[in-house]
Protein backbone atom coordinates (compact mmCIF):
# COMPACT_ATOMS: atom_id res chain seq x y z
CA MET A 1 -10.60 -162.48 -31.53
CA LEU A 2 -11.84 -160.78 -34.26
CA ASP A 3 -15.38 -158.81 -33.51
CA LYS A 4 -18.07 -157.77 -35.92
CA LYS A 5 -16.14 -154.95 -37.17
CA ASP A 6 -13.12 -156.75 -38.05
CA ALA A 7 -15.31 -159.26 -40.06
CA GLN A 8 -17.29 -156.76 -42.16
CA TRP A 9 -13.71 -155.11 -43.15
CA TRP A 10 -12.42 -158.35 -44.41
CA LEU A 11 -16.06 -158.94 -46.09
CA LEU A 12 -15.97 -155.81 -47.60
CA GLU A 13 -12.05 -156.08 -49.24
CA VAL A 14 -13.42 -159.53 -50.75
CA GLN A 15 -16.39 -158.12 -52.48
CA LYS A 16 -14.36 -154.87 -53.42
CA ARG A 17 -11.46 -156.80 -55.01
CA PRO A 18 -12.53 -160.33 -55.86
CA ASP A 19 -9.34 -161.03 -57.64
CA SER A 20 -7.16 -160.62 -54.63
CA ALA A 21 -9.83 -162.88 -52.65
CA PRO A 22 -7.22 -166.03 -52.04
CA ASP A 23 -4.58 -163.26 -50.78
CA LEU A 24 -7.03 -162.04 -48.58
CA ILE A 25 -8.29 -165.05 -47.50
CA ARG A 26 -4.66 -165.88 -46.55
CA ALA A 27 -4.18 -163.02 -44.88
CA LEU A 28 -7.53 -163.31 -42.60
CA ALA A 29 -6.33 -166.79 -41.93
CA ASP A 30 -2.76 -165.98 -40.68
CA ARG A 31 -4.01 -163.37 -38.82
CA LEU A 32 -6.78 -165.76 -37.25
CA ALA A 33 -4.51 -168.31 -36.55
CA PHE A 34 -1.93 -165.56 -34.88
CA LEU A 35 -4.92 -164.46 -32.63
CA ASP A 36 -6.14 -167.81 -31.67
CA LYS A 37 -2.62 -169.18 -30.78
CA GLN A 38 -2.36 -165.64 -28.15
CA ASN A 39 -5.88 -166.63 -26.48
CA GLU A 40 -4.98 -170.39 -26.03
CA GLN A 41 -1.66 -169.06 -24.15
CA LEU A 42 -3.90 -166.38 -22.08
CA ARG A 43 -6.66 -169.18 -21.75
CA ALA A 44 -3.77 -171.71 -20.32
CA GLU A 45 -2.17 -168.58 -18.19
CA LEU A 46 -5.88 -168.05 -16.41
CA ILE A 47 -6.28 -171.74 -15.76
CA ALA A 48 -2.67 -171.82 -14.23
CA LEU A 49 -3.58 -168.67 -12.02
CA GLN A 50 -6.75 -169.86 -10.99
CA ARG A 51 -5.49 -173.36 -9.76
CA GLU A 52 -2.62 -171.37 -8.18
CA THR A 53 -4.26 -169.21 -6.21
CA GLN A 54 -4.66 -171.38 -2.61
CA GLY A 55 -1.99 -170.42 -0.84
CA SER A 56 0.07 -167.85 -2.70
CA LEU A 57 0.37 -165.22 0.15
CA PRO A 58 3.01 -163.41 -1.13
CA GLU A 59 1.49 -162.46 -4.49
CA VAL A 60 -1.96 -161.55 -2.44
CA ALA A 61 0.23 -159.52 -0.18
CA ALA A 62 1.66 -157.59 -3.08
CA LEU A 63 -1.42 -157.06 -4.52
CA GLN A 64 -2.80 -155.84 -1.49
CA ALA A 65 0.36 -153.35 -1.04
CA ARG A 66 -0.44 -152.08 -4.56
CA ILE A 67 -3.87 -151.14 -3.97
CA ARG A 68 -2.97 -149.35 -0.99
CA GLU A 69 -0.59 -147.34 -3.31
CA LEU A 70 -3.24 -146.74 -5.85
CA GLU A 71 -6.05 -145.60 -2.92
CA ALA A 72 -3.02 -143.27 -1.48
CA ALA A 73 -2.70 -141.92 -5.19
CA LEU A 74 -6.04 -141.07 -5.17
CA ARG A 75 -6.69 -139.52 -2.47
CA GLU A 76 -4.28 -137.03 -3.87
CA GLY A 77 -6.41 -136.31 -6.14
CA ALA A 78 -5.10 -135.20 -10.06
CA ALA A 79 -1.74 -135.36 -8.78
CA GLU A 80 0.79 -133.63 -10.85
CA ARG A 81 2.33 -135.73 -13.68
CA HIS A 82 6.22 -136.98 -13.80
CA VAL A 83 8.37 -136.42 -16.57
CA ILE A 84 10.52 -139.26 -17.47
CA LEU A 85 13.34 -139.09 -19.81
CA TYR A 86 15.07 -142.23 -20.78
CA SER A 87 17.79 -143.46 -22.82
CA ALA A 88 18.70 -146.87 -23.87
CA ASP A 89 20.46 -147.86 -20.64
CA SER A 90 19.38 -144.85 -18.16
CA ILE A 91 16.94 -142.63 -16.85
CA LEU A 92 18.18 -139.14 -17.16
CA LEU A 93 14.98 -137.19 -15.88
CA ASN A 94 12.32 -138.31 -13.64
CA ALA A 95 10.46 -135.33 -11.86
CA PRO A 96 7.14 -133.48 -11.56
CA LEU A 97 6.41 -131.94 -14.39
CA HIS A 98 6.68 -128.08 -13.49
CA GLU A 99 10.30 -128.79 -12.09
CA ALA A 100 11.29 -131.00 -15.16
CA THR A 101 9.78 -128.02 -17.54
CA ALA A 102 11.12 -124.80 -15.40
CA TYR A 103 14.58 -126.84 -15.61
CA THR A 104 17.67 -125.66 -17.67
CA PRO A 105 20.17 -128.15 -18.38
CA THR A 106 24.17 -127.40 -18.47
CA ARG A 107 24.25 -129.94 -21.42
CA PRO A 108 22.00 -131.32 -23.86
CA TYR A 109 20.85 -135.17 -23.31
CA PRO A 110 21.45 -137.96 -25.77
CA PRO A 111 20.09 -137.46 -29.24
CA GLN A 112 18.07 -140.73 -28.78
CA ALA A 113 16.25 -139.73 -25.14
CA ALA A 114 12.47 -140.30 -25.26
CA LEU A 115 9.83 -138.91 -23.30
CA LEU A 116 6.79 -140.01 -20.83
CA THR A 117 4.39 -138.96 -18.63
CA ALA A 118 2.69 -140.93 -15.91
CA ARG A 119 1.11 -140.42 -12.43
CA PRO A 120 2.80 -140.95 -9.44
CA ALA A 121 1.37 -144.14 -8.99
CA ALA A 122 1.45 -145.16 -12.35
CA GLU A 123 2.05 -148.73 -13.81
CA LEU A 124 4.68 -148.87 -16.50
CA LEU A 125 5.77 -151.63 -19.11
CA ILE A 126 9.46 -151.22 -20.24
CA ILE A 127 9.92 -152.93 -23.70
CA THR A 128 13.56 -153.39 -25.03
CA ALA A 129 15.09 -153.75 -28.75
CA GLU A 130 14.65 -157.51 -28.65
CA ALA A 131 10.82 -157.03 -27.76
CA ARG A 132 11.01 -158.32 -24.25
CA LEU A 133 8.53 -157.21 -21.81
CA PHE A 134 9.40 -155.81 -18.12
CA ALA A 135 6.42 -154.55 -15.37
CA LEU A 136 7.60 -152.09 -12.69
CA THR A 137 5.68 -149.13 -11.45
CA LEU A 138 7.04 -145.29 -11.50
CA SER A 139 8.43 -145.56 -8.04
CA ASP A 140 10.22 -148.31 -8.95
CA LEU A 141 12.11 -145.96 -11.53
CA PRO A 142 15.50 -144.19 -9.93
CA ALA A 143 15.06 -140.30 -9.89
CA PRO A 144 18.25 -138.99 -10.05
CA ALA A 145 19.14 -135.17 -9.19
CA LEU A 146 18.91 -133.00 -11.84
CA GLY A 147 21.75 -132.26 -14.08
CA SER A 148 22.74 -136.48 -13.48
CA HIS A 149 21.37 -139.67 -14.74
CA ALA A 150 21.09 -143.20 -13.28
CA LEU A 151 21.55 -146.46 -14.58
CA LEU A 152 18.68 -148.60 -15.13
CA GLY A 153 20.91 -151.73 -15.12
CA ASN A 154 18.70 -154.32 -16.20
CA PRO A 155 16.37 -154.00 -18.35
CA ARG A 156 18.70 -152.96 -21.09
CA ASP A 157 18.46 -151.48 -24.45
CA VAL A 158 15.15 -150.01 -23.55
CA ALA A 159 13.18 -148.97 -26.63
CA ALA A 160 9.85 -147.65 -25.04
CA ILE A 161 8.30 -147.20 -21.54
CA LEU A 162 4.24 -146.85 -21.39
CA ASP A 163 1.96 -146.04 -19.07
CA ARG A 164 -0.09 -149.21 -18.19
CA ALA A 165 -3.18 -147.00 -17.40
CA ALA A 166 -3.53 -146.60 -21.36
CA PHE A 167 -4.60 -150.43 -22.08
CA ALA A 168 -8.19 -149.84 -19.94
CA GLN A 169 -9.12 -148.60 -23.13
CA GLN A 170 -6.95 -150.05 -25.58
CA ARG A 171 -7.13 -153.73 -26.54
CA PHE A 172 -4.09 -153.86 -28.74
CA LEU A 173 -0.33 -153.47 -28.38
CA THR A 174 1.89 -152.20 -31.33
CA LEU A 175 5.42 -152.31 -31.58
CA TYR A 176 7.57 -150.74 -34.94
CA THR A 177 11.08 -151.64 -35.79
CA GLN A 178 14.10 -149.99 -37.07
CA ARG A 179 13.37 -150.83 -40.57
CA GLY A 180 9.71 -149.90 -40.58
CA TYR A 181 8.04 -153.25 -39.69
CA VAL A 182 4.40 -153.09 -37.33
CA TYR A 183 3.74 -155.92 -35.00
CA SER A 184 -0.11 -155.91 -33.50
CA LEU A 185 -0.06 -157.82 -30.69
CA LEU A 186 -3.11 -158.51 -28.17
CA ALA A 187 -2.47 -156.08 -25.22
CA GLY A 188 -3.85 -159.35 -23.12
CA MET A 189 -0.35 -160.79 -23.63
CA ILE A 190 1.10 -158.16 -20.84
CA ASN A 191 0.79 -160.00 -17.79
CA ARG A 192 2.28 -163.18 -18.82
CA ALA A 193 5.24 -161.68 -21.14
CA ALA A 194 5.89 -159.10 -18.36
CA ALA A 195 6.45 -161.88 -15.62
CA LYS A 196 8.43 -163.92 -17.44
CA HIS A 197 10.10 -161.28 -19.47
CA GLU A 198 9.52 -163.38 -22.57
CA ARG A 199 10.14 -161.94 -25.87
CA LEU A 200 6.61 -160.51 -27.60
CA ILE A 201 7.93 -161.25 -30.79
CA ARG A 202 9.93 -164.76 -30.97
CA ASN A 203 10.92 -164.57 -34.64
CA LEU A 204 12.29 -160.90 -34.56
CA PRO A 205 15.47 -160.22 -36.63
CA THR A 206 18.60 -159.46 -34.76
CA ASP A 207 19.27 -156.83 -36.99
CA ASP A 208 16.30 -154.75 -36.92
CA PRO A 209 15.50 -153.92 -33.19
CA ILE A 210 12.36 -152.43 -31.89
CA ILE A 211 12.53 -148.74 -31.82
CA GLY A 212 9.03 -147.99 -30.71
CA ALA A 213 5.60 -148.90 -28.98
CA LEU A 214 2.06 -148.10 -28.37
CA PRO A 215 -1.24 -148.93 -27.09
CA SER A 216 -3.73 -149.18 -29.89
CA SER A 217 -7.09 -150.01 -30.92
CA ASN A 218 -7.33 -151.83 -33.81
CA THR A 219 -8.25 -149.01 -36.18
CA ASP A 220 -6.23 -147.04 -38.70
CA LEU A 221 -2.69 -146.97 -37.93
CA PHE A 222 -0.75 -143.39 -39.27
CA VAL A 223 2.74 -144.36 -40.22
CA LEU A 224 5.41 -141.05 -40.25
CA THR A 225 9.20 -140.69 -41.19
CA ASN A 226 11.68 -138.25 -40.66
CA LYS A 227 11.14 -137.41 -44.59
CA GLY A 228 7.31 -136.20 -44.22
CA ARG A 229 6.58 -139.90 -46.27
CA TRP A 230 3.16 -141.40 -44.54
CA THR A 231 0.64 -143.94 -45.05
CA ARG A 232 -2.10 -145.11 -43.21
CA PHE A 233 -3.66 -148.60 -42.80
CA PRO A 234 -6.32 -150.35 -40.72
CA GLU A 235 -4.15 -152.14 -38.13
CA ARG A 236 -5.86 -155.26 -38.64
CA SER A 237 -4.78 -155.88 -42.12
CA LEU A 238 -0.88 -156.46 -40.51
CA ASN A 239 0.04 -160.19 -40.80
CA GLY A 240 0.95 -162.19 -37.52
CA THR A 241 4.40 -162.03 -37.97
CA GLY A 242 4.50 -158.17 -38.47
CA SER A 243 4.37 -156.65 -41.82
CA LEU A 244 6.30 -153.50 -43.43
CA ALA A 245 4.43 -150.17 -42.88
CA LEU A 246 6.48 -148.50 -45.30
CA PRO A 247 9.55 -149.08 -47.42
CA LEU A 248 12.15 -146.82 -46.19
CA GLY A 249 14.99 -144.71 -48.13
CA GLU A 250 18.13 -143.59 -47.27
CA ALA A 251 18.53 -142.07 -43.99
CA GLU A 252 14.79 -142.41 -43.39
CA TYR A 253 13.14 -143.92 -40.47
CA LEU A 254 10.01 -143.65 -38.87
CA ILE A 255 9.50 -141.00 -36.22
CA GLY A 256 5.99 -141.86 -35.32
CA VAL A 257 3.10 -144.47 -35.33
CA VAL A 258 -0.63 -143.26 -34.35
CA SER A 259 -3.52 -145.29 -33.90
CA LEU A 260 -6.11 -143.12 -34.72
CA PRO A 261 -9.41 -142.33 -33.04
CA ALA A 262 -12.38 -141.40 -35.49
CA ASP A 263 -11.75 -137.99 -37.49
CA ALA A 264 -8.92 -137.24 -35.28
CA GLU A 265 -6.53 -134.23 -36.24
CA LEU A 266 -2.80 -134.72 -35.82
CA CYS A 267 -0.32 -132.08 -34.75
CA PHE A 268 3.42 -132.85 -36.52
CA VAL A 269 6.14 -131.00 -35.16
CA SER A 270 9.38 -129.95 -37.51
CA LYS A 271 13.11 -130.15 -36.38
CA ASP A 272 13.06 -126.64 -36.56
CA GLY A 273 10.28 -126.42 -33.38
CA HIS A 274 7.19 -125.05 -35.82
CA ALA A 275 3.89 -127.24 -35.05
CA PHE A 276 1.34 -127.97 -38.21
CA ILE A 277 -2.25 -129.27 -36.89
CA ARG A 278 -3.79 -131.43 -40.08
CA SER A 279 -7.03 -132.84 -40.42
CA THR A 280 -7.12 -137.02 -40.99
CA THR A 281 -9.78 -136.75 -43.56
CA ASP A 282 -7.12 -134.75 -45.71
CA LEU A 283 -4.97 -138.07 -45.20
CA PRO A 284 -7.10 -140.85 -46.20
CA ALA A 285 -6.47 -144.75 -45.47
CA LYS A 286 -5.14 -147.13 -48.02
CA ARG A 287 -6.54 -150.92 -48.13
CA THR A 288 -3.32 -152.21 -46.61
CA HIS A 289 0.09 -151.57 -45.37
CA GLY A 290 3.42 -150.88 -47.46
CA THR A 291 1.88 -148.18 -50.20
CA LEU A 292 2.82 -144.65 -49.48
CA GLY A 293 0.04 -141.92 -48.87
CA GLY A 294 2.07 -139.15 -49.79
CA THR A 295 4.47 -136.53 -48.28
CA LEU A 296 3.97 -133.95 -46.25
CA LEU A 297 5.35 -130.21 -45.40
CA ARG A 298 8.10 -130.67 -48.10
CA GLY A 299 11.40 -129.38 -47.47
CA ARG A 300 10.90 -129.57 -43.31
CA HIS A 301 12.44 -132.47 -41.31
CA LEU A 302 9.76 -133.70 -39.10
CA CYS A 303 10.36 -135.44 -35.45
CA GLY A 304 7.11 -136.46 -34.63
CA VAL A 305 3.32 -136.51 -34.64
CA THR A 306 0.68 -136.89 -31.83
CA ALA A 307 -3.27 -137.12 -32.08
CA ALA A 308 -2.99 -135.44 -28.17
CA ARG A 309 -4.07 -131.94 -27.43
CA GLU A 310 -1.03 -131.02 -25.34
CA ILE A 311 2.54 -131.37 -26.12
CA LEU A 312 5.41 -131.89 -24.38
CA ALA A 313 8.64 -131.55 -26.97
CA LEU A 314 12.51 -131.77 -25.99
CA SER A 315 15.46 -129.57 -27.76
CA THR A 316 18.67 -130.24 -28.50
CA THR A 317 19.54 -127.79 -25.56
CA GLY A 318 17.97 -130.44 -23.12
CA ARG A 319 14.92 -127.61 -22.58
CA LEU A 320 11.42 -128.97 -22.33
CA ILE A 321 8.89 -127.29 -24.12
CA HIS A 322 5.05 -127.85 -22.81
CA THR A 323 2.03 -126.54 -24.63
CA ASP A 324 -1.07 -127.35 -26.16
CA TRP A 325 -3.54 -126.66 -29.28
CA GLU A 326 -5.29 -123.68 -27.61
CA GLN A 327 -1.56 -122.03 -27.38
CA LEU A 328 -0.69 -122.95 -30.81
CA GLY A 329 -3.71 -121.32 -32.10
CA SER A 330 -5.36 -121.49 -35.77
CA THR A 331 -1.83 -120.16 -36.86
CA ALA A 332 -0.89 -123.99 -36.88
CA ARG A 333 -3.33 -124.81 -39.56
CA GLY A 334 -1.83 -122.65 -41.81
CA GLU A 335 0.87 -123.53 -44.45
CA ASN A 336 3.76 -122.35 -42.27
CA GLY A 337 2.57 -123.37 -38.93
CA VAL A 338 3.43 -121.77 -35.70
CA LEU A 339 6.40 -122.28 -33.30
CA LEU A 340 6.20 -124.27 -30.24
CA GLY A 341 7.87 -121.44 -28.76
CA PRO A 342 10.97 -119.08 -28.96
CA MET A 343 14.11 -121.00 -30.09
CA ALA A 344 17.87 -120.32 -29.49
CA HIS A 345 19.83 -119.85 -32.66
CA GLY A 346 20.53 -123.65 -34.19
CA GLU A 347 18.37 -125.50 -31.42
CA GLN A 348 16.22 -128.33 -32.58
CA ILE A 349 13.57 -130.22 -31.28
CA THR A 350 14.53 -134.28 -30.89
CA ALA A 351 11.70 -135.54 -29.25
CA LEU A 352 7.60 -135.30 -28.88
CA ILE A 353 5.08 -136.86 -27.25
CA GLY A 354 1.42 -136.14 -26.66
CA THR A 355 0.79 -135.65 -22.90
CA ALA A 356 -3.25 -135.49 -22.65
């Protein structure tokens, strides 16, 4: 399932590096075999569904109920997004955006808490640390009272929660691990894997759990560590069994992976609350994964990166900061960046997402 652009990329690589042609051909063969296997699994799933359509009344009833739910959401128009703050085993916050940003917690959230925003009728995907996939709706998630939390129960060891709507435009799902490995999977695998709670990566080492996931479009991936080291490479260069994005040093870990649109700009946020906007034309792609591109914003500890023009950040006090590039202004493009907003003494940013 390689498209014309994919084939052209491989051809150009062979022409530019004829001495590496055998290695490139082996990598391409591995990628083709991986995609072909996924394609065959999807084809079998489709045939099975077609055969089982007759008499599957509970499934039809569930689908009809979901259609009614979506129609109700459409009638509401642009319903306010909800903020979901979650840890590996709990929902810490599930509230409309205006309530979440106005709330001042009495105690901080766990340091590994992660963020998601989604519309009220959103379909969600939960990906666990061992790469299992679960499907549910936002209404299925517990909505604890402000200041409390609710245990998820099952699934446990949640690594990421994604809004399924993103896959209307993106045809790949990218996962990344604690040691810096990246996996690229066909988004079409989602339905079957979620229905059976299967592992998306069967050979995932037990000591290298999934720590993040994102929808991707088979363009360039931009990978960033907490120490500002980065790399950028074509997603199509990844092996079917996963590839090391970047060798990590001591106390170094990935804080963000972005699937880059053409001529994108990125917003980087440091732990001390400063935002920096940079053009990706100054961050050129490498031919393949595993090669350092450089180090950004030396001397600063970074906590996230996004190409989205609207930002939601979580601080160590539990405060949520909601802003956009227009409010950040041109100062964010300067050497020293600009503060996301007023910061208390000792307050730091712990999590960042793009919301639009």
